[in-house]
Protein backbone atom coordinates (compact mmCIF):
# COMPACT_ATOMS: atom_id res chain seq x y z
CA UNK A 1 137.88 150.49 66.40
CA UNK A 2 140.23 152.93 68.04
CA UNK A 3 139.28 155.38 70.73
CA UNK A 4 138.76 158.10 68.10
CA UNK A 5 135.15 157.04 67.31
CA UNK A 6 136.04 155.99 63.77
CA UNK A 7 137.66 159.24 62.67
CA UNK A 8 140.86 157.55 61.49
CA UNK A 9 138.99 154.78 59.63
CA UNK A 10 136.64 157.23 57.92
CA UNK A 11 139.58 159.39 56.87
CA UNK A 12 141.66 156.65 55.24
CA UNK A 13 139.04 154.27 53.84
CA UNK A 14 137.09 154.83 50.62
CA UNK A 15 133.80 153.83 52.29
CA UNK A 16 132.01 155.03 55.43
CA UNK A 17 132.52 153.06 58.64
CA UNK A 18 129.99 152.98 61.48
CA UNK A 19 132.12 152.64 64.63
CA UNK A 20 129.22 151.26 66.66
CA UNK A 21 129.36 148.06 64.57
CA UNK A 22 133.03 147.43 65.33
CA UNK A 23 133.86 148.95 68.71
CA UNK A 24 134.86 146.17 71.10
CA UNK A 25 133.30 143.40 69.02
CA UNK A 26 134.71 143.05 65.52
CA UNK A 27 137.93 143.61 63.65
CA UNK A 28 137.83 145.75 60.54
CA UNK A 29 140.52 144.33 58.25
CA UNK A 30 140.97 146.14 54.95
CA UNK A 31 143.44 145.14 52.23
CA UNK A 32 146.10 147.72 51.43
CA UNK A 33 144.65 148.18 47.94
CA UNK A 34 141.40 149.51 49.44
CA UNK A 35 143.05 152.09 51.68
CA UNK A 36 143.69 155.70 50.74
CA UNK A 37 147.13 155.60 52.38
CA UNK A 38 149.80 154.57 49.89
CA UNK A 39 153.35 153.52 50.60
CA UNK A 40 153.48 154.78 54.16
CA UNK A 41 153.86 152.96 57.42
CA UNK A 42 151.93 153.71 60.53
CA UNK A 43 154.11 151.90 63.07
CA UNK A 44 154.23 154.72 65.60
CA UNK A 45 150.43 154.93 65.76
CA UNK A 46 150.06 151.14 66.05
CA UNK A 47 152.76 150.86 68.71
CA UNK A 48 151.23 153.71 70.70
CA UNK A 49 147.83 152.03 70.49
CA UNK A 50 149.25 148.79 71.85
CA UNK A 51 150.93 150.64 74.72
CA UNK A 52 147.66 152.36 75.64
CA UNK A 53 145.76 149.06 75.61
CA UNK A 54 148.39 147.39 77.80
CA UNK A 55 148.13 150.23 80.32
CA UNK A 56 144.35 149.70 80.56
CA UNK A 57 144.78 146.00 81.44
């Protein structure tokens, strides 16, 4: 779960997500067909997230 306390997941998934179940412990993998986002890429957000995590290490 990202550092946004589940806001992004709850915005783009058709079901509610409890961030306390996933933060730091589990990976929430959702098939593209179950996401509300259609036909768009999110590379900038993913790349920025990786950069932030690398800075923390």
